[in-house]
């Protein structure tokens, strides 16, 4: 373990030196990448110091116990020995997880898109419930949520809604939510009291930086139109909403959330960049056999990932066979326990694939 950590220290020293070099500082993309790496390596360096301290404590305690000349010192040494013996395996497990190569996308912000699927009005209402669930979860994490574009359902909720989430390690957390979410409940419009099944799709893109994707302005058609959302007469009578069409791929991004045309255009470009970046990422993931085989982050948006069953108060995540009878809290934003289990499943897979790292 110490040999592996010594290699990490060499890289940490190298990165520490690189990020203060003038040519690196002027290269924005490289500078951001190195800063992210420095942050990850700094955590490992702190764990390395703890590990060295614990192993030194263990060696010291063993020497005092073996000497046996001072009863009081032996008693203290035994306590130190027990603490080190208990702490070292836990710390080694933490370090093993930290040594797993980190997905560079995980630290990025995210663009999330929810779309009502099968189930008519009830599907739109459910998409609205999911939006509220994610908003509350993001608030609990101290993340900022900003709406980009939406289309309201006829009886509430949303036919579709797009929003940005910014904070720490947002994409690495929310990527587990991508897929088809299914709800089983009696709709408000149902007079016979029958349980219906409806669905909504969640898509999660890593938010691309300007230097991640280069967009040729000639490839983008820009249309301005009147916003259709709430906000009074001024919103509906000014051409503040923006729609971008990337002609080579046919991808469309639009924003009507802001009163300013300039701000809407800026947000729409951010979404378009993220969509194009996600396209490139999907190709890479298809080429990566290990990624394709992963049960928790396959990126298959047609896969049914979770069912919310209201009559039984049950939520089931089908990827890992996790069932929780805590629907009310979960739909109110308490999804951390599910994400923790999904992260654990993914890390277990990664550890199997990276056994040769340690």
Protein backbone atom coordinates (compact mmCIF):
# COMPACT_ATOMS: atom_id res chain seq x y z
CA UNK A 1 0.00 0.00 0.00
CA UNK A 2 2.77 2.45 0.91
CA UNK A 3 4.56 1.72 -2.38
CA UNK A 4 1.40 2.56 -4.30
CA UNK A 5 0.91 5.73 -2.24
CA UNK A 6 4.51 6.73 -2.93
CA UNK A 7 3.78 6.62 -6.69
CA UNK A 8 0.70 8.79 -6.04
CA UNK A 9 2.87 11.25 -4.05
CA UNK A 10 5.29 11.54 -6.98
CA UNK A 11 2.36 12.41 -9.26
CA UNK A 12 0.99 14.88 -6.67
CA UNK A 13 4.36 16.66 -6.50
CA UNK A 14 4.47 16.74 -10.30
CA UNK A 15 0.94 18.21 -10.60
CA UNK A 16 1.67 20.73 -7.81
CA UNK A 17 4.60 21.97 -9.87
CA UNK A 18 2.70 21.97 -13.19
CA UNK A 19 -0.27 24.10 -12.08
CA UNK A 20 1.97 27.08 -11.32
CA UNK A 21 3.68 27.00 -14.73
CA UNK A 22 2.75 30.04 -16.91
CA UNK A 23 2.15 27.94 -20.05
CA UNK A 24 -0.29 25.70 -18.14
CA UNK A 25 -2.14 28.67 -16.61
CA UNK A 26 -2.74 30.13 -20.08
CA UNK A 27 -4.06 26.77 -21.38
CA UNK A 28 -7.54 26.83 -19.79
CA UNK A 29 -8.49 23.23 -20.57
CA UNK A 30 -5.22 21.78 -19.25
CA UNK A 31 -5.31 24.05 -16.19
CA UNK A 32 -8.85 22.94 -15.23
CA UNK A 33 -7.94 19.24 -15.73
CA UNK A 34 -4.82 19.55 -13.55
CA UNK A 35 -6.69 21.44 -10.84
CA UNK A 36 -9.26 18.64 -10.67
CA UNK A 37 -6.49 16.06 -10.48
CA UNK A 38 -4.71 18.08 -7.78
CA UNK A 39 -7.92 18.17 -5.69
CA UNK A 40 -8.36 14.36 -5.96
CA UNK A 41 -4.68 13.68 -5.19
CA UNK A 42 -4.77 16.06 -2.18
CA UNK A 43 -7.41 13.80 -0.58
CA UNK A 44 -5.15 10.78 -1.14
CA UNK A 45 -2.18 12.66 0.35
CA UNK A 46 -4.17 13.31 3.54
CA UNK A 47 -5.07 9.61 3.73
CA UNK A 48 -1.39 8.73 3.13
CA UNK A 49 -0.35 10.84 6.13
CA UNK A 50 -3.00 9.13 8.29
CA UNK A 51 -1.83 5.71 7.06
CA UNK A 52 1.84 6.44 7.81
CA UNK A 53 0.90 7.68 11.28
CA UNK A 54 -1.15 4.55 12.04
CA UNK A 55 1.52 2.13 10.79
CA UNK A 56 4.18 4.01 12.82
CA UNK A 57 1.94 3.84 15.89
CA UNK A 58 1.53 0.09 15.38
CA UNK A 59 5.30 -0.49 15.07
CA UNK A 60 6.01 1.70 18.11
CA UNK A 61 3.35 -0.07 20.22
CA UNK A 62 4.70 -3.51 19.25
CA UNK A 63 8.22 -2.46 20.30
CA UNK A 64 7.05 -1.18 23.74
CA UNK A 65 4.99 -4.34 24.35
CA UNK A 66 7.93 -6.56 23.32
CA UNK A 67 10.28 -4.63 25.66
CA UNK A 68 7.95 -5.25 28.64
CA UNK A 69 9.91 -3.13 31.15
CA UNK A 70 7.28 -0.51 32.03
CA UNK A 71 3.76 -1.66 32.99
CA UNK A 72 2.19 1.78 32.55
CA UNK A 73 3.78 2.23 29.10
CA UNK A 74 2.68 -1.30 28.10
CA UNK A 75 -0.94 -0.45 29.02
CA UNK A 76 -0.84 2.69 26.86
CA UNK A 77 0.91 0.81 24.06
CA UNK A 78 -1.82 -1.87 24.05
CA UNK A 79 -4.48 0.84 23.58
CA UNK A 80 -2.40 2.38 20.77
CA UNK A 81 -1.90 -1.07 19.21
CA UNK A 82 -5.66 -1.83 19.29
CA UNK A 83 -6.54 1.56 17.75
CA UNK A 84 -4.01 1.08 14.94
CA UNK A 85 -5.06 -2.54 14.32
CA UNK A 86 -8.70 -1.45 13.99
CA UNK A 87 -7.99 1.71 11.98
CA UNK A 88 -5.55 0.37 9.37
CA UNK A 89 -7.97 -2.04 7.53
CA UNK A 90 -10.70 0.66 7.40
CA UNK A 91 -8.23 3.22 6.05
CA UNK A 92 -6.88 0.71 3.51
CA UNK A 93 -10.42 0.15 2.19
CA UNK A 94 -10.95 3.94 1.86
CA UNK A 95 -7.63 4.26 0.01
CA UNK A 96 -8.47 1.36 -2.30
CA UNK A 97 -11.69 3.13 -3.34
CA UNK A 98 -9.85 6.44 -3.82
CA UNK A 99 -7.26 4.70 -6.01
CA UNK A 100 -9.95 3.62 -8.49
CA UNK A 101 -9.45 5.77 -11.62
CA UNK A 102 -12.04 8.54 -11.36
CA UNK A 103 -14.31 9.40 -14.26
CA UNK A 104 -13.23 12.94 -15.20
CA UNK A 105 -16.87 13.81 -15.98
CA UNK A 106 -18.01 13.13 -12.39
CA UNK A 107 -16.89 16.50 -11.03
CA UNK A 108 -18.84 18.44 -13.69
CA UNK A 109 -22.18 20.19 -13.25
CA UNK A 110 -25.16 18.53 -14.95
CA UNK A 111 -28.04 19.26 -17.30
CA UNK A 112 -31.09 17.16 -16.43
CA UNK A 113 -34.06 16.59 -18.73
CA UNK A 114 -37.33 15.00 -17.62
CA UNK A 115 -39.90 13.88 -20.19
CA UNK A 116 -43.37 12.47 -19.65
CA UNK A 117 -43.62 9.02 -21.24
CA UNK A 118 -46.55 6.61 -21.47
CA UNK A 119 -49.58 7.48 -19.37
CA UNK A 120 -50.94 10.77 -20.74
CA UNK A 121 -51.72 13.48 -18.17
CA UNK A 122 -50.65 11.21 -15.30
CA UNK A 123 -47.18 10.86 -16.88
CA UNK A 124 -46.85 14.68 -16.96
CA UNK A 125 -47.92 14.91 -13.32
CA UNK A 126 -45.34 12.24 -12.44
CA UNK A 127 -42.60 14.15 -14.35
CA UNK A 128 -43.55 17.14 -12.16
CA UNK A 129 -43.23 14.95 -9.04
CA UNK A 130 -39.75 13.84 -10.15
CA UNK A 131 -38.73 17.46 -10.78
CA UNK A 132 -39.82 18.37 -7.24
CA UNK A 133 -38.00 15.30 -5.86
CA UNK A 134 -34.72 16.28 -7.58
CA UNK A 135 -35.11 19.96 -6.63
CA UNK A 136 -35.50 19.05 -2.95
CA UNK A 137 -32.59 16.59 -3.13
CA UNK A 138 -30.33 19.21 -4.75
CA UNK A 139 -31.31 21.78 -2.12
CA UNK A 140 -30.35 19.31 0.63
CA UNK A 141 -26.90 18.97 -1.02
CA UNK A 142 -26.47 22.75 -1.27
CA UNK A 143 -26.57 22.60 -5.10
CA UNK A 144 -28.11 25.33 -7.27
CA UNK A 145 -30.97 24.42 -9.62
CA UNK A 146 -31.79 26.65 -12.58
CA UNK A 147 -34.63 25.94 -15.06
CA UNK A 148 -33.68 26.13 -18.74
CA UNK A 149 -36.87 25.24 -20.61
CA UNK A 150 -40.20 23.54 -19.92
CA UNK A 151 -43.52 22.58 -21.45
CA UNK A 152 -46.36 22.27 -18.94
CA UNK A 153 -48.80 19.36 -18.87
CA UNK A 154 -52.52 19.94 -19.46
CA UNK A 155 -53.46 18.89 -15.91
CA UNK A 156 -50.29 19.87 -14.07
CA UNK A 157 -46.70 18.72 -14.09
CA UNK A 158 -44.58 18.88 -17.23
CA UNK A 159 -44.57 17.26 -20.66
CA UNK A 160 -40.85 18.01 -20.45
CA UNK A 161 -38.53 20.15 -18.36
CA UNK A 162 -34.81 20.89 -18.55
CA UNK A 163 -32.76 22.26 -15.69
CA UNK A 164 -29.11 22.86 -14.80
CA UNK A 165 -27.62 21.72 -11.50
CA UNK A 166 -24.37 23.26 -10.27
CA UNK A 167 -22.31 22.27 -7.25
CA UNK A 168 -19.68 19.73 -6.24
CA UNK A 169 -19.52 16.35 -8.04
CA UNK A 170 -23.04 16.85 -9.43
CA UNK A 171 -22.83 14.67 -12.56
CA UNK A 172 -21.04 11.88 -10.65
CA UNK A 173 -24.06 11.71 -8.33
CA UNK A 174 -27.01 12.40 -10.64
CA UNK A 175 -25.82 10.16 -13.52
CA UNK A 176 -27.36 7.19 -11.66
CA UNK A 177 -30.82 8.73 -12.19
CA UNK A 178 -30.71 8.42 -15.99
CA UNK A 179 -33.29 6.01 -17.38
CA UNK A 180 -37.03 5.29 -17.27
CA UNK A 181 -38.83 5.88 -13.97
CA UNK A 182 -42.18 4.14 -13.59
CA UNK A 183 -45.06 5.02 -11.23
CA UNK A 184 -47.93 2.78 -10.14
CA UNK A 185 -50.83 4.64 -8.48
CA UNK A 186 -54.45 5.72 -8.83
CA UNK A 187 -54.42 8.89 -10.99
CA UNK A 188 -56.35 11.98 -9.80
CA UNK A 189 -58.47 11.71 -12.96
CA UNK A 190 -59.40 8.04 -12.34
CA UNK A 191 -62.99 7.65 -11.11
CA UNK A 192 -62.98 3.85 -10.68
CA UNK A 193 -60.03 3.81 -8.26
CA UNK A 194 -57.89 1.62 -10.54
CA UNK A 195 -54.11 1.63 -10.30
CA UNK A 196 -52.43 2.87 -13.49
CA UNK A 197 -48.82 2.55 -14.59
CA UNK A 198 -47.17 5.64 -16.09
CA UNK A 199 -43.58 6.52 -16.91
CA UNK A 200 -41.17 9.41 -17.29
CA UNK A 201 -37.67 9.46 -18.75
CA UNK A 202 -34.76 11.15 -17.01
CA UNK A 203 -31.67 12.16 -19.01
CA UNK A 204 -28.53 13.48 -17.35
CA UNK A 205 -25.71 15.16 -19.30
CA UNK A 206 -22.38 16.38 -17.94
CA UNK A 207 -22.33 20.14 -18.47
CA UNK A 208 -19.67 20.85 -21.09
CA UNK A 209 -17.19 23.69 -20.68
CA UNK A 210 -16.60 25.94 -23.69
CA UNK A 211 -13.26 24.26 -24.32
CA UNK A 212 -14.80 20.74 -24.20
CA UNK A 213 -16.77 21.25 -27.42
CA UNK A 214 -16.04 23.66 -30.22
CA UNK A 215 -19.20 24.78 -32.04
CA UNK A 216 -18.86 26.42 -35.44
CA UNK A 217 -21.35 29.37 -35.43
CA UNK A 218 -22.08 28.64 -39.12
CA UNK A 219 -23.50 25.24 -38.08
CA UNK A 220 -26.10 26.75 -35.75
CA UNK A 221 -29.45 28.21 -36.82
CA UNK A 222 -30.80 30.67 -34.24
CA UNK A 223 -34.53 31.37 -33.93
CA UNK A 224 -36.15 33.86 -31.54
CA UNK A 225 -39.74 33.50 -30.36
CA UNK A 226 -42.13 34.65 -27.62
CA UNK A 227 -41.91 32.80 -24.30
CA UNK A 228 -44.96 30.70 -23.51
CA UNK A 229 -44.37 30.23 -19.80
CA UNK A 230 -45.62 32.24 -16.81
CA UNK A 231 -44.22 35.74 -16.25
CA UNK A 232 -46.89 38.19 -17.38
CA UNK A 233 -47.47 40.10 -20.58
CA UNK A 234 -43.86 41.24 -21.06
CA UNK A 235 -42.72 37.63 -21.32
CA UNK A 236 -45.28 36.74 -23.95
CA UNK A 237 -44.89 39.82 -26.15
CA UNK A 238 -41.08 40.05 -26.49
CA UNK A 239 -38.95 37.72 -28.59
CA UNK A 240 -36.78 36.72 -25.64
CA UNK A 241 -36.94 32.92 -26.06
CA UNK A 242 -34.16 31.32 -28.09
CA UNK A 243 -34.04 28.08 -30.09
CA UNK A 244 -30.76 26.73 -31.44
CA UNK A 245 -30.59 24.05 -34.12
CA UNK A 246 -27.23 22.36 -34.71
CA UNK A 247 -27.65 21.50 -38.39
CA UNK A 248 -24.94 18.79 -38.76
CA UNK A 249 -26.52 16.66 -35.99
CA UNK A 250 -30.10 17.98 -35.91
CA UNK A 251 -29.81 18.59 -32.14
CA UNK A 252 -32.07 21.33 -30.77
CA UNK A 253 -31.65 23.37 -27.58
CA UNK A 254 -33.92 26.15 -26.46
CA UNK A 255 -34.34 28.42 -23.45
CA UNK A 256 -37.21 30.68 -22.45
CA UNK A 257 -36.65 30.91 -18.71
CA UNK A 258 -34.97 34.33 -18.60
CA UNK A 259 -36.48 37.69 -19.60
CA UNK A 260 -33.23 38.60 -21.34
CA UNK A 261 -32.73 37.27 -24.88
CA UNK A 262 -28.95 37.32 -24.32
CA UNK A 263 -29.21 35.19 -21.14
CA UNK A 264 -31.53 32.72 -22.85
CA UNK A 265 -29.10 32.42 -25.77
CA UNK A 266 -26.20 31.82 -23.35
CA UNK A 267 -28.14 29.08 -21.52
CA UNK A 268 -29.28 27.45 -24.77
CA UNK A 269 -25.67 27.30 -26.03
CA UNK A 270 -24.65 25.70 -22.73
CA UNK A 271 -27.30 22.99 -23.21
CA UNK A 272 -26.34 22.48 -26.88
CA UNK A 273 -22.66 22.08 -25.92
CA UNK A 274 -23.64 19.55 -23.25
CA UNK A 275 -25.79 17.57 -25.72
CA UNK A 276 -22.96 17.44 -28.28
CA UNK A 277 -20.50 16.48 -25.54
CA UNK A 278 -22.88 13.74 -24.38
CA UNK A 279 -22.99 12.37 -27.95
CA UNK A 280 -19.19 12.07 -27.97
CA UNK A 281 -19.26 10.53 -24.50
CA UNK A 282 -21.86 7.93 -25.55
CA UNK A 283 -19.59 6.82 -28.41
CA UNK A 284 -16.66 6.42 -26.04
CA UNK A 285 -18.80 4.43 -23.61
CA UNK A 286 -19.95 2.09 -26.36
CA UNK A 287 -16.32 1.41 -27.25
CA UNK A 288 -15.47 0.73 -23.62
CA UNK A 289 -16.51 -2.86 -22.92
CA UNK A 290 -16.18 -2.52 -19.16
CA UNK A 291 -18.43 0.52 -19.12
CA UNK A 292 -20.95 -1.20 -21.36
CA UNK A 293 -21.08 -4.16 -18.99
CA UNK A 294 -21.78 -2.03 -15.93
CA UNK A 295 -25.21 -2.59 -14.44
CA UNK A 296 -25.54 0.83 -12.83
CA UNK A 297 -24.22 3.34 -15.37
CA UNK A 298 -24.80 1.82 -18.78
CA UNK A 299 -26.30 5.04 -20.11
CA UNK A 300 -29.16 3.10 -21.73
CA UNK A 301 -31.98 5.64 -21.53
CA UNK A 302 -34.61 3.14 -22.63
CA UNK A 303 -33.92 0.92 -19.61
CA UNK A 304 -36.51 0.85 -16.82
CA UNK A 305 -34.49 1.68 -13.72
CA UNK A 306 -36.97 2.35 -10.90
CA UNK A 307 -40.60 1.80 -9.89
CA UNK A 308 -42.53 3.95 -7.41
CA UNK A 309 -45.48 1.89 -6.15
CA UNK A 310 -47.92 4.10 -4.19
CA UNK A 311 -50.44 1.46 -2.96
CA UNK A 312 -47.61 -0.44 -1.24
CA UNK A 313 -45.48 2.62 -0.36
CA UNK A 314 -42.59 0.88 -2.12
CA UNK A 315 -39.70 2.04 -4.29
CA UNK A 316 -37.67 -0.55 -6.22
CA UNK A 317 -34.44 0.07 -8.09
CA UNK A 318 -34.30 -2.73 -10.65
CA UNK A 319 -30.57 -2.43 -11.44
CA UNK A 320 -29.44 -3.64 -8.02
CA UNK A 321 -32.66 -5.26 -6.76
CA UNK A 322 -33.04 -2.69 -3.97
CA UNK A 323 -36.52 -2.29 -2.44
CA UNK A 324 -37.34 0.37 0.16
CA UNK A 325 -40.70 0.88 1.87
CA UNK A 326 -40.19 4.61 2.28
CA UNK A 327 -41.90 6.08 -0.78
CA UNK A 328 -43.15 9.30 0.87
CA UNK A 329 -39.69 10.41 2.03
CA UNK A 330 -38.04 9.34 -1.24
CA UNK A 331 -40.50 11.25 -3.45
CA UNK A 332 -39.86 14.24 -1.15
CA UNK A 333 -36.17 14.22 -2.08
CA UNK A 334 -34.60 11.67 0.27
CA UNK A 335 -32.89 9.66 -2.49
CA UNK A 336 -29.36 9.62 -1.02
CA UNK A 337 -29.72 6.08 0.36
CA UNK A 338 -30.54 4.79 -3.17
CA UNK A 339 -27.64 6.69 -4.75
CA UNK A 340 -25.27 5.40 -2.04
CA UNK A 341 -26.23 1.79 -2.86
CA UNK A 342 -25.78 2.42 -6.60
CA UNK A 343 -22.36 4.01 -6.00
CA UNK A 344 -21.37 1.04 -3.83
CA UNK A 345 -22.41 -1.37 -6.60
CA UNK A 346 -20.44 0.59 -9.20
CA UNK A 347 -17.35 0.86 -6.95
CA UNK A 348 -17.49 -2.90 -6.29
CA UNK A 349 -17.45 -3.49 -10.06
CA UNK A 350 -14.60 -1.03 -10.51
CA UNK A 351 -12.59 -2.68 -7.73
CA UNK A 352 -12.95 -6.07 -9.43
CA UNK A 353 -11.78 -4.51 -12.70
CA UNK A 354 -8.89 -2.72 -11.01
CA UNK A 355 -7.55 -5.40 -8.67
CA UNK A 356 -4.14 -4.95 -10.23
CA UNK A 357 -4.04 -1.31 -9.07
CA UNK A 358 -3.15 -2.24 -5.50
